[in-house]
Amino acid sequence: MKPINDKRHPAFKVAIAVAILLTGGWLLLQRFQIGIEFSPAESNQVPVIKTQPSEAPAASAPATPTTTKPDPADVAARQGKLRVSNRSVHPLRVALLSRQSGKTKAGAAARFATPAHWDFAPQEGSTEGLLVSLPDREIKLKQGDVVVAFAQDGSQRYWGPFVVGESDRPDWNPQAAEWELVLGE
């Protein structure tokens, strides 16, 4: 039987690579403890993901991300136009589904207006953004409206859905009294 030459045998090289990857993954898991805090009693709250360093000392500890839900009364008062910035290299379509107040015959709490959409060339409005409008009605975003965006070049890029006042985007600009949606890579 021929002895195994450690320097040339491919199985040995694969075994070493797997051992290094497993050890690195285990060390990374030991470095960070990742968990989601969620209280079922607070059903209208957004879960907060926190990253905490373990007991091991580190040169620089990462900042702990936190998310706070805005006050519903403040959000309800924020109605304004929509400004969109396409900072991506993709042609995009931005679609809006506006919520209308009132009851339907089925007793649903809300119904939606006719959807609207706008197309943006790559980098269109990337610096200051563009206000969107329609010829037959004014666009004013309010709480509960839904905005989505997707690339039209086959790249399968997708942004959203964003629910105004409930998700992290669009952002409210109090100086301009506008909602701003910045889309990019």
N, C-alpha and C. Protein backbone atom coordinates (compact mmCIF):
# COMPACT_ATOMS: atom_id res chain seq x y z
N MET A 1 0.83 -1.18 0.00
CA MET A 1 0.00 0.00 0.00
C MET A 1 0.88 1.25 0.00
N LYS A 2 0.49 2.22 -0.84
CA LYS A 2 1.28 3.43 -1.01
C LYS A 2 0.89 4.45 0.07
N PRO A 3 1.86 5.09 0.74
CA PRO A 3 1.53 6.08 1.77
C PRO A 3 0.93 7.33 1.13
N ILE A 4 0.06 8.02 1.89
CA ILE A 4 -0.59 9.25 1.41
C ILE A 4 0.38 10.41 1.52
N ASN A 5 0.57 11.12 0.44
CA ASN A 5 1.43 12.30 0.42
C ASN A 5 0.55 13.50 0.81
N ASP A 6 0.78 14.07 1.99
CA ASP A 6 -0.05 15.15 2.53
C ASP A 6 -0.05 16.39 1.66
N LYS A 7 1.00 16.66 0.96
CA LYS A 7 1.11 17.89 0.20
C LYS A 7 0.35 17.83 -1.12
N ARG A 8 0.05 16.66 -1.64
CA ARG A 8 -0.58 16.57 -2.94
C ARG A 8 -1.98 15.99 -2.93
N HIS A 9 -2.37 15.33 -1.91
CA HIS A 9 -3.66 14.64 -1.91
C HIS A 9 -4.82 15.64 -1.77
N PRO A 10 -5.77 15.66 -2.74
CA PRO A 10 -6.86 16.65 -2.71
C PRO A 10 -7.79 16.49 -1.50
N ALA A 11 -8.01 15.28 -1.04
CA ALA A 11 -8.90 15.08 0.11
C ALA A 11 -8.32 15.73 1.36
N PHE A 12 -7.01 15.69 1.51
CA PHE A 12 -6.38 16.31 2.66
C PHE A 12 -6.55 17.83 2.61
N LYS A 13 -6.40 18.42 1.41
CA LYS A 13 -6.57 19.86 1.26
C LYS A 13 -8.01 20.28 1.55
N VAL A 14 -8.98 19.50 1.11
CA VAL A 14 -10.38 19.79 1.37
C VAL A 14 -10.67 19.69 2.86
N ALA A 15 -10.13 18.66 3.51
CA ALA A 15 -10.34 18.49 4.95
C ALA A 15 -9.78 19.67 5.74
N ILE A 16 -8.62 20.15 5.37
CA ILE A 16 -8.01 21.30 6.04
C ILE A 16 -8.88 22.55 5.83
N ALA A 17 -9.36 22.76 4.60
CA ALA A 17 -10.19 23.93 4.30
C ALA A 17 -11.49 23.89 5.10
N VAL A 18 -12.13 22.73 5.18
CA VAL A 18 -13.37 22.60 5.95
C VAL A 18 -13.11 22.85 7.43
N ALA A 19 -12.01 22.33 7.95
CA ALA A 19 -11.68 22.55 9.36
C ALA A 19 -11.46 24.03 9.65
N ILE A 20 -10.80 24.74 8.74
CA ILE A 20 -10.56 26.18 8.93
C ILE A 20 -11.89 26.94 8.89
N LEU A 21 -12.75 26.62 7.93
CA LEU A 21 -14.06 27.29 7.83
C LEU A 21 -14.93 27.03 9.06
N LEU A 22 -14.96 25.79 9.52
CA LEU A 22 -15.77 25.47 10.70
C LEU A 22 -15.24 26.19 11.94
N THR A 23 -13.92 26.22 12.10
CA THR A 23 -13.34 26.91 13.25
C THR A 23 -13.63 28.41 13.18
N GLY A 24 -13.49 29.00 11.99
CA GLY A 24 -13.79 30.42 11.83
C GLY A 24 -15.25 30.73 12.12
N GLY A 25 -16.15 29.89 11.64
CA GLY A 25 -17.58 30.08 11.91
C GLY A 25 -17.89 29.96 13.39
N TRP A 26 -17.27 28.98 14.05
CA TRP A 26 -17.50 28.81 15.49
C TRP A 26 -16.99 30.02 16.26
N LEU A 27 -15.81 30.54 15.89
CA LEU A 27 -15.28 31.73 16.56
C LEU A 27 -16.17 32.94 16.33
N LEU A 28 -16.71 33.07 15.14
CA LEU A 28 -17.61 34.19 14.84
C LEU A 28 -18.89 34.09 15.67
N LEU A 29 -19.43 32.89 15.79
CA LEU A 29 -20.62 32.71 16.62
C LEU A 29 -20.34 33.00 18.09
N GLN A 30 -19.15 32.67 18.54
CA GLN A 30 -18.78 32.96 19.92
C GLN A 30 -18.61 34.47 20.15
N ARG A 31 -18.21 35.18 19.11
CA ARG A 31 -17.98 36.63 19.22
C ARG A 31 -19.28 37.41 19.35
N PHE A 32 -20.31 37.02 18.60
CA PHE A 32 -21.57 37.75 18.60
C PHE A 32 -22.71 36.87 19.07
N GLN A 33 -23.59 37.47 19.83
CA GLN A 33 -24.83 36.82 20.21
C GLN A 33 -25.94 37.63 19.55
N ILE A 34 -26.67 37.01 18.63
CA ILE A 34 -27.71 37.72 17.90
C ILE A 34 -29.05 37.18 18.34
N GLY A 35 -29.98 38.09 18.67
CA GLY A 35 -31.30 37.67 19.10
C GLY A 35 -32.36 38.68 18.72
N ILE A 36 -33.60 38.23 18.70
CA ILE A 36 -34.73 39.11 18.40
C ILE A 36 -35.58 39.20 19.65
N GLU A 37 -35.86 40.43 20.07
CA GLU A 37 -36.72 40.65 21.21
C GLU A 37 -38.11 41.02 20.71
N PHE A 38 -39.12 40.27 21.16
CA PHE A 38 -40.48 40.55 20.73
C PHE A 38 -41.42 40.16 21.85
N SER A 39 -42.31 41.06 22.18
CA SER A 39 -43.29 40.79 23.22
C SER A 39 -44.66 40.62 22.58
N PRO A 40 -45.29 39.43 22.69
CA PRO A 40 -46.59 39.22 22.06
C PRO A 40 -47.68 40.14 22.61
N ALA A 41 -47.51 40.67 23.81
CA ALA A 41 -48.52 41.57 24.38
C ALA A 41 -48.57 42.89 23.63
N GLU A 42 -47.48 43.25 22.99
CA GLU A 42 -47.41 44.50 22.25
C GLU A 42 -47.54 44.20 20.76
N SER A 43 -48.71 43.84 20.30
CA SER A 43 -48.90 43.37 18.92
C SER A 43 -48.69 44.47 17.89
N ASN A 44 -48.78 45.74 18.27
CA ASN A 44 -48.60 46.81 17.29
C ASN A 44 -47.16 47.31 17.25
N GLN A 45 -46.26 46.65 17.96
CA GLN A 45 -44.86 47.06 17.97
C GLN A 45 -44.07 46.27 16.94
N VAL A 46 -43.03 46.89 16.42
CA VAL A 46 -42.14 46.26 15.47
C VAL A 46 -41.05 45.53 16.26
N PRO A 47 -40.71 44.27 15.89
CA PRO A 47 -39.64 43.58 16.61
C PRO A 47 -38.33 44.33 16.42
N VAL A 48 -37.50 44.33 17.47
CA VAL A 48 -36.22 45.02 17.45
C VAL A 48 -35.13 43.97 17.43
N ILE A 49 -34.21 44.08 16.48
CA ILE A 49 -33.09 43.17 16.40
C ILE A 49 -31.89 43.86 17.02
N LYS A 50 -31.29 43.19 17.99
CA LYS A 50 -30.13 43.77 18.67
C LYS A 50 -28.94 42.84 18.50
N THR A 51 -27.79 43.41 18.24
CA THR A 51 -26.55 42.66 18.15
C THR A 51 -25.70 43.06 19.34
N GLN A 52 -25.33 42.07 20.16
CA GLN A 52 -24.56 42.35 21.35
C GLN A 52 -23.26 41.56 21.30
N PRO A 53 -22.14 42.21 21.61
CA PRO A 53 -20.88 41.46 21.66
C PRO A 53 -20.88 40.53 22.85
N SER A 54 -20.17 39.39 22.74
CA SER A 54 -20.09 38.46 23.85
C SER A 54 -19.08 38.97 24.87
N GLU A 55 -18.72 38.11 25.80
CA GLU A 55 -17.81 38.49 26.87
C GLU A 55 -16.38 38.73 26.37
N ALA A 56 -16.05 38.25 25.18
CA ALA A 56 -14.69 38.37 24.66
C ALA A 56 -14.35 39.84 24.42
N PRO A 57 -13.15 40.28 24.79
CA PRO A 57 -12.77 41.67 24.54
C PRO A 57 -12.56 41.89 23.04
N ALA A 58 -12.81 43.12 22.62
CA ALA A 58 -12.65 43.44 21.20
C ALA A 58 -12.04 44.82 21.07
N ALA A 59 -11.41 45.06 19.94
CA ALA A 59 -10.79 46.36 19.69
C ALA A 59 -11.85 47.44 19.53
N SER A 60 -12.89 47.13 18.78
CA SER A 60 -13.97 48.10 18.60
C SER A 60 -15.30 47.36 18.59
N ALA A 61 -16.17 47.73 19.49
CA ALA A 61 -17.47 47.08 19.58
C ALA A 61 -18.44 47.73 18.60
N PRO A 62 -19.24 46.93 17.85
CA PRO A 62 -20.19 47.52 16.90
C PRO A 62 -21.33 48.21 17.64
N ALA A 63 -21.89 49.22 16.99
CA ALA A 63 -23.02 49.94 17.57
C ALA A 63 -24.24 49.03 17.58
N THR A 64 -25.08 49.17 18.59
CA THR A 64 -26.28 48.37 18.70
C THR A 64 -27.41 49.05 17.94
N PRO A 65 -27.95 48.40 16.87
CA PRO A 65 -29.04 49.02 16.13
C PRO A 65 -30.33 48.95 16.93
N THR A 66 -31.08 50.02 16.93
CA THR A 66 -32.37 50.03 17.59
C THR A 66 -33.41 50.63 16.65
N THR A 67 -34.63 50.20 16.80
CA THR A 67 -35.72 50.70 15.98
C THR A 67 -36.84 51.14 16.90
N THR A 68 -37.35 52.33 16.67
CA THR A 68 -38.48 52.80 17.45
C THR A 68 -39.64 53.07 16.52
N LYS A 69 -40.82 52.77 16.97
CA LYS A 69 -42.02 52.99 16.17
C LYS A 69 -42.50 54.42 16.40
N PRO A 70 -42.81 55.15 15.31
CA PRO A 70 -43.26 56.53 15.49
C PRO A 70 -44.64 56.59 16.14
N ASP A 71 -44.92 57.73 16.75
CA ASP A 71 -46.20 57.95 17.38
C ASP A 71 -47.30 57.99 16.32
N PRO A 72 -48.38 57.17 16.44
CA PRO A 72 -49.44 57.15 15.43
C PRO A 72 -50.10 58.50 15.19
N ALA A 73 -50.24 59.32 16.23
CA ALA A 73 -50.86 60.63 16.06
C ALA A 73 -49.98 61.54 15.20
N ASP A 74 -48.65 61.46 15.41
CA ASP A 74 -47.72 62.24 14.58
C ASP A 74 -47.78 61.80 13.13
N VAL A 75 -47.82 60.50 12.91
CA VAL A 75 -47.84 59.97 11.55
C VAL A 75 -49.14 60.35 10.85
N ALA A 76 -50.26 60.27 11.54
CA ALA A 76 -51.55 60.61 10.94
C ALA A 76 -51.60 62.06 10.49
N ALA A 77 -50.87 62.93 11.18
CA ALA A 77 -50.87 64.34 10.82
C ALA A 77 -49.95 64.63 9.63
N ARG A 78 -49.06 63.69 9.32
CA ARG A 78 -48.10 63.90 8.23
C ARG A 78 -48.72 63.48 6.90
N GLN A 79 -49.16 64.44 6.14
CA GLN A 79 -49.63 64.19 4.79
C GLN A 79 -48.86 65.11 3.87
N GLY A 80 -48.33 64.55 2.82
CA GLY A 80 -47.55 65.38 1.92
C GLY A 80 -47.26 64.68 0.62
N LYS A 81 -46.62 65.40 -0.26
CA LYS A 81 -46.26 64.88 -1.57
C LYS A 81 -45.16 63.85 -1.44
N LEU A 82 -44.93 63.12 -2.52
CA LEU A 82 -43.89 62.08 -2.55
C LEU A 82 -42.76 62.51 -3.48
N ARG A 83 -41.53 62.49 -2.95
CA ARG A 83 -40.32 62.80 -3.73
C ARG A 83 -39.51 61.51 -3.83
N VAL A 84 -39.17 61.10 -5.06
CA VAL A 84 -38.46 59.84 -5.30
C VAL A 84 -37.09 60.12 -5.90
N SER A 85 -36.08 59.42 -5.38
CA SER A 85 -34.71 59.49 -5.91
C SER A 85 -34.27 58.10 -6.33
N ASN A 86 -33.97 57.91 -7.60
CA ASN A 86 -33.43 56.64 -8.08
C ASN A 86 -31.91 56.74 -8.13
N ARG A 87 -31.26 56.21 -7.12
CA ARG A 87 -29.80 56.23 -7.06
C ARG A 87 -29.21 54.92 -7.55
N SER A 88 -30.03 54.05 -8.12
CA SER A 88 -29.55 52.77 -8.61
C SER A 88 -29.14 52.88 -10.08
N VAL A 89 -28.53 51.84 -10.58
CA VAL A 89 -28.14 51.78 -11.98
C VAL A 89 -29.21 51.08 -12.81
N HIS A 90 -30.39 50.89 -12.23
CA HIS A 90 -31.48 50.17 -12.89
C HIS A 90 -32.62 51.12 -13.24
N PRO A 91 -33.31 50.87 -14.35
CA PRO A 91 -34.57 51.60 -14.59
C PRO A 91 -35.61 51.04 -13.62
N LEU A 92 -36.33 51.93 -12.95
CA LEU A 92 -37.26 51.49 -11.90
C LEU A 92 -38.69 51.90 -12.21
N ARG A 93 -39.63 51.13 -11.66
CA ARG A 93 -41.03 51.51 -11.63
C ARG A 93 -41.41 51.61 -10.16
N VAL A 94 -41.96 52.75 -9.78
CA VAL A 94 -42.44 52.98 -8.41
C VAL A 94 -43.96 52.96 -8.47
N ALA A 95 -44.57 52.13 -7.63
CA ALA A 95 -46.03 52.00 -7.63
C ALA A 95 -46.58 52.43 -6.28
N LEU A 96 -47.76 53.07 -6.31
CA LEU A 96 -48.42 53.56 -5.11
C LEU A 96 -49.83 53.02 -5.04
N LEU A 97 -50.18 52.51 -3.88
CA LEU A 97 -51.54 52.07 -3.60
C LEU A 97 -52.03 52.93 -2.43
N SER A 98 -52.87 53.93 -2.74
CA SER A 98 -53.33 54.88 -1.73
C SER A 98 -54.55 54.35 -1.00
N ARG A 99 -54.52 54.48 0.29
CA ARG A 99 -55.64 54.05 1.13
C ARG A 99 -56.67 55.17 1.19
N GLN A 100 -57.94 54.81 1.06
CA GLN A 100 -59.02 55.78 1.21
C GLN A 100 -59.76 55.46 2.50
N SER A 101 -60.15 56.50 3.21
CA SER A 101 -60.88 56.26 4.45
C SER A 101 -62.34 55.95 4.13
N GLY A 102 -63.01 55.31 5.06
CA GLY A 102 -64.41 54.96 4.86
C GLY A 102 -64.62 53.47 4.91
N LYS A 103 -65.85 53.05 4.88
CA LYS A 103 -66.21 51.64 4.96
C LYS A 103 -66.73 51.17 3.60
N THR A 104 -66.40 49.93 3.26
CA THR A 104 -66.95 49.34 2.05
C THR A 104 -68.22 48.60 2.41
N LYS A 105 -68.91 48.08 1.42
CA LYS A 105 -70.15 47.33 1.68
C LYS A 105 -69.88 46.11 2.53
N ALA A 106 -68.69 45.53 2.40
CA ALA A 106 -68.36 44.35 3.19
C ALA A 106 -67.93 44.72 4.60
N GLY A 107 -67.83 45.99 4.90
CA GLY A 107 -67.47 46.43 6.25
C GLY A 107 -65.97 46.50 6.48
N ALA A 108 -65.18 46.44 5.45
CA ALA A 108 -63.73 46.52 5.63
C ALA A 108 -63.35 47.91 6.14
N ALA A 109 -62.27 47.97 6.90
CA ALA A 109 -61.87 49.24 7.51
C ALA A 109 -61.35 50.24 6.49
N ALA A 110 -60.84 49.78 5.38
CA ALA A 110 -60.29 50.71 4.40
C ALA A 110 -60.38 50.10 3.00
N ARG A 111 -60.43 50.95 2.02
CA ARG A 111 -60.34 50.52 0.63
C ARG A 111 -59.27 51.35 -0.04
N PHE A 112 -58.88 50.94 -1.22
CA PHE A 112 -57.77 51.60 -1.88
C PHE A 112 -58.23 52.29 -3.15
N ALA A 113 -57.56 53.40 -3.47
CA ALA A 113 -57.82 54.13 -4.72
C ALA A 113 -57.17 53.37 -5.86
N THR A 114 -57.41 53.83 -7.07
CA THR A 114 -56.77 53.23 -8.24
C THR A 114 -55.26 53.36 -8.11
N PRO A 115 -54.52 52.27 -8.29
CA PRO A 115 -53.06 52.35 -8.15
C PRO A 115 -52.45 53.30 -9.18
N ALA A 116 -51.31 53.85 -8.83
CA ALA A 116 -50.58 54.74 -9.73
C ALA A 116 -49.14 54.25 -9.79
N HIS A 117 -48.45 54.57 -10.89
CA HIS A 117 -47.04 54.20 -10.99
C HIS A 117 -46.28 55.22 -11.83
N TRP A 118 -44.97 55.25 -11.61
CA TRP A 118 -44.07 56.15 -12.31
C TRP A 118 -42.82 55.37 -12.68
N ASP A 119 -42.23 55.68 -13.83
CA ASP A 119 -41.00 55.03 -14.28
C ASP A 119 -39.84 56.00 -14.17
N PHE A 120 -38.70 55.49 -13.72
CA PHE A 120 -37.50 56.29 -13.53
C PHE A 120 -36.33 55.65 -14.27
N ALA A 121 -35.57 56.45 -15.00
CA ALA A 121 -34.36 55.99 -15.66
C ALA A 121 -33.28 55.79 -14.59
N PRO A 122 -32.22 55.04 -14.91
CA PRO A 122 -31.13 54.89 -13.94
C PRO A 122 -30.59 56.25 -13.51
N GLN A 123 -30.42 56.43 -12.22
CA GLN A 123 -29.89 57.65 -11.60
C GLN A 123 -30.81 58.86 -11.75
N GLU A 124 -32.03 58.69 -12.24
CA GLU A 124 -32.93 59.83 -12.42
C GLU A 124 -33.36 60.38 -11.06
N GLY A 125 -33.16 61.66 -10.87
CA GLY A 125 -33.51 62.31 -9.61
C GLY A 125 -32.61 61.92 -8.47
N SER A 126 -31.41 61.43 -8.77
CA SER A 126 -30.55 60.88 -7.72
C SER A 126 -30.05 61.90 -6.72
N THR A 127 -29.93 63.16 -7.11
CA THR A 127 -29.39 64.14 -6.17
C THR A 127 -30.47 64.80 -5.32
N GLU A 128 -31.50 65.34 -5.94
CA GLU A 128 -32.54 66.05 -5.18
C GLU A 128 -33.87 65.33 -5.18
N GLY A 129 -34.02 64.33 -6.00
CA GLY A 129 -35.29 63.62 -6.09
C GLY A 129 -36.27 64.35 -6.98
N LEU A 130 -37.32 63.65 -7.39
CA LEU A 130 -38.35 64.23 -8.24
C LEU A 130 -39.71 64.06 -7.56
N LEU A 131 -40.52 65.12 -7.56
CA LEU A 131 -41.88 65.03 -7.04
C LEU A 131 -42.73 64.27 -8.05
N VAL A 132 -43.50 63.30 -7.58
CA VAL A 132 -44.38 62.56 -8.48
C VAL A 132 -45.77 63.18 -8.45
N SER A 133 -46.46 63.09 -9.56
CA SER A 133 -47.80 63.65 -9.65
C SER A 133 -48.60 62.87 -10.68
N LEU A 134 -49.89 63.13 -10.71
CA LEU A 134 -50.80 62.52 -11.68
C LEU A 134 -51.62 63.63 -12.34
N PRO A 135 -52.03 63.43 -13.59
CA PRO A 135 -52.80 64.48 -14.25
C PRO A 135 -54.22 64.66 -13.71
N ASP A 136 -54.80 63.59 -13.14
CA ASP A 136 -56.20 63.67 -12.73
C ASP A 136 -56.44 63.81 -11.23
N ARG A 137 -55.39 63.65 -10.42
CA ARG A 137 -55.57 63.81 -8.98
C ARG A 137 -54.24 64.17 -8.32
N GLU A 138 -54.37 64.79 -7.17
CA GLU A 138 -53.19 65.17 -6.40
C GLU A 138 -52.67 63.96 -5.63
N ILE A 139 -51.37 63.85 -5.54
CA ILE A 139 -50.75 62.77 -4.77
C ILE A 139 -50.35 63.33 -3.41
N LYS A 140 -50.96 62.82 -2.37
CA LYS A 140 -50.58 63.15 -1.00
C LYS A 140 -50.53 61.84 -0.23
N LEU A 141 -49.34 61.46 0.20
CA LEU A 141 -49.20 60.24 0.98
C LEU A 141 -49.72 60.46 2.38
N LYS A 142 -50.34 59.41 2.91
CA LYS A 142 -50.83 59.44 4.28
C LYS A 142 -50.59 58.07 4.90
N GLN A 143 -50.81 57.96 6.17
CA GLN A 143 -50.57 56.72 6.89
C GLN A 143 -51.35 55.58 6.25
N GLY A 144 -50.67 54.46 6.05
CA GLY A 144 -51.29 53.27 5.49
C GLY A 144 -51.15 53.11 3.99
N ASP A 145 -50.72 54.16 3.28
CA ASP A 145 -50.46 54.03 1.84
C ASP A 145 -49.29 53.07 1.64
N VAL A 146 -49.31 52.36 0.52
CA VAL A 146 -48.28 51.36 0.24
C VAL A 146 -47.49 51.77 -1.00
N VAL A 147 -46.16 51.77 -0.88
CA VAL A 147 -45.27 52.12 -1.98
C VAL A 147 -44.31 50.95 -2.21
N VAL A 148 -44.16 50.55 -3.48
CA VAL A 148 -43.20 49.52 -3.86
C VAL A 148 -42.42 50.02 -5.07
N ALA A 149 -41.25 49.43 -5.28
CA ALA A 149 -40.44 49.77 -6.45
C ALA A 149 -39.75 48.50 -6.92
N PHE A 150 -39.58 48.39 -8.23
CA PHE A 150 -38.88 47.24 -8.78
C PHE A 150 -38.16 47.64 -10.06
N ALA A 151 -37.06 46.93 -10.33
CA ALA A 151 -36.27 47.20 -11.53
C ALA A 151 -36.99 46.63 -12.74
N GLN A 152 -36.86 47.32 -13.86
CA GLN A 152 -37.51 46.89 -15.09
C GLN A 152 -36.54 46.32 -16.10
N ASP A 153 -35.32 46.01 -15.67
CA ASP A 153 -34.31 45.51 -16.60
C ASP A 153 -34.06 44.02 -16.49
N GLY A 154 -34.91 43.32 -15.75
CA GLY A 154 -34.74 41.88 -15.59
C GLY A 154 -33.78 41.49 -14.49
N SER A 155 -33.25 42.44 -13.73
CA SER A 155 -32.29 42.14 -12.67
C SER A 155 -32.96 41.60 -11.41
N GLN A 156 -34.27 41.63 -11.36
CA GLN A 156 -35.07 41.14 -10.24
C GLN A 156 -34.79 41.89 -8.94
N ARG A 157 -34.46 43.17 -9.03
CA ARG A 157 -34.30 44.03 -7.84
C ARG A 157 -35.68 44.50 -7.42
N TYR A 158 -35.88 44.58 -6.10
CA TYR A 158 -37.19 44.93 -5.57
C TYR A 158 -36.99 45.71 -4.28
N TRP A 159 -37.76 46.78 -4.10
CA TRP A 159 -37.71 47.59 -2.87
C TRP A 159 -39.12 47.67 -2.31
N GLY A 160 -39.27 47.38 -1.04
CA GLY A 160 -40.58 47.49 -0.40
C GLY A 160 -41.18 46.13 -0.14
N PRO A 161 -42.43 46.06 0.16
CA PRO A 161 -43.37 47.18 0.21
C PRO A 161 -43.12 48.05 1.44
N PHE A 162 -43.30 49.34 1.24
CA PHE A 162 -43.17 50.31 2.31
C PHE A 162 -44.57 50.80 2.66
N VAL A 163 -44.95 50.71 3.92
CA VAL A 163 -46.24 51.20 4.39
C VAL A 163 -45.97 52.52 5.10
N VAL A 164 -46.53 53.58 4.58
CA VAL A 164 -46.27 54.92 5.10
C VAL A 164 -46.64 54.98 6.57
N GLY A 165 -45.71 55.43 7.38
CA GLY A 165 -45.93 55.57 8.82
C GLY A 165 -45.74 54.29 9.61
N GLU A 166 -45.52 53.15 8.93
CA GLU A 166 -45.37 51.88 9.64
C GLU A 166 -44.05 51.20 9.34
N SER A 167 -43.43 51.49 8.20
CA SER A 167 -42.15 50.89 7.86
C SER A 167 -41.06 51.97 7.91
N ASP A 168 -39.82 51.55 7.70
CA ASP A 168 -38.70 52.50 7.82
C ASP A 168 -38.64 53.52 6.70
N ARG A 169 -39.29 53.28 5.59
CA ARG A 169 -39.31 54.22 4.48
C ARG A 169 -40.74 54.38 3.99
N PRO A 170 -41.10 55.42 3.34
CA PRO A 170 -40.34 56.62 3.03
C PRO A 170 -40.12 57.47 4.29
N ASP A 171 -39.17 58.39 4.17
CA ASP A 171 -38.82 59.27 5.29
C ASP A 171 -39.62 60.57 5.19
N TRP A 172 -40.00 61.11 6.33
CA TRP A 172 -40.73 62.37 6.39
C TRP A 172 -39.74 63.52 6.48
N ASN A 173 -39.89 64.52 5.60
CA ASN A 173 -39.07 65.72 5.63
C ASN A 173 -39.97 66.85 6.16
N PRO A 174 -39.84 67.23 7.44
CA PRO A 174 -40.74 68.23 8.00
C PRO A 174 -40.55 69.63 7.41
N GLN A 175 -39.34 69.97 6.95
CA GLN A 175 -39.13 71.30 6.37
C GLN A 175 -39.91 71.46 5.06
N ALA A 176 -39.92 70.42 4.22
CA ALA A 176 -40.61 70.50 2.93
C ALA A 176 -42.03 69.93 3.01
N ALA A 177 -42.40 69.32 4.13
CA ALA A 177 -43.69 68.64 4.29
C ALA A 177 -43.90 67.62 3.17
N GLU A 178 -42.87 66.77 2.96
CA GLU A 178 -42.89 65.75 1.91
C GLU A 178 -42.39 64.43 2.46
N TRP A 179 -42.84 63.36 1.81
CA TRP A 179 -42.29 62.03 2.05
C TRP A 179 -41.21 61.81 1.01
N GLU A 180 -40.04 61.32 1.43
CA GLU A 180 -38.92 61.11 0.53
C GLU A 180 -38.56 59.63 0.48
N LEU A 181 -38.50 59.10 -0.74
CA LEU A 181 -38.15 57.71 -0.95
C LEU A 181 -36.87 57.66 -1.79
N VAL A 182 -35.77 57.21 -1.16
CA VAL A 182 -34.49 57.11 -1.84
C VAL A 182 -34.25 55.63 -2.11
N LEU A 183 -34.08 55.30 -3.40
CA LEU A 183 -33.90 53.91 -3.81
C LEU A 183 -32.51 53.75 -4.42
N GLY A 184 -31.80 52.71 -4.05
CA GLY A 184 -30.47 52.49 -4.59
C GLY A 184 -29.97 51.12 -4.24
N GLU A 185 -28.73 50.90 -4.52
CA GLU A 185 -28.11 49.59 -4.31
C GLU A 185 -27.96 49.29 -2.86
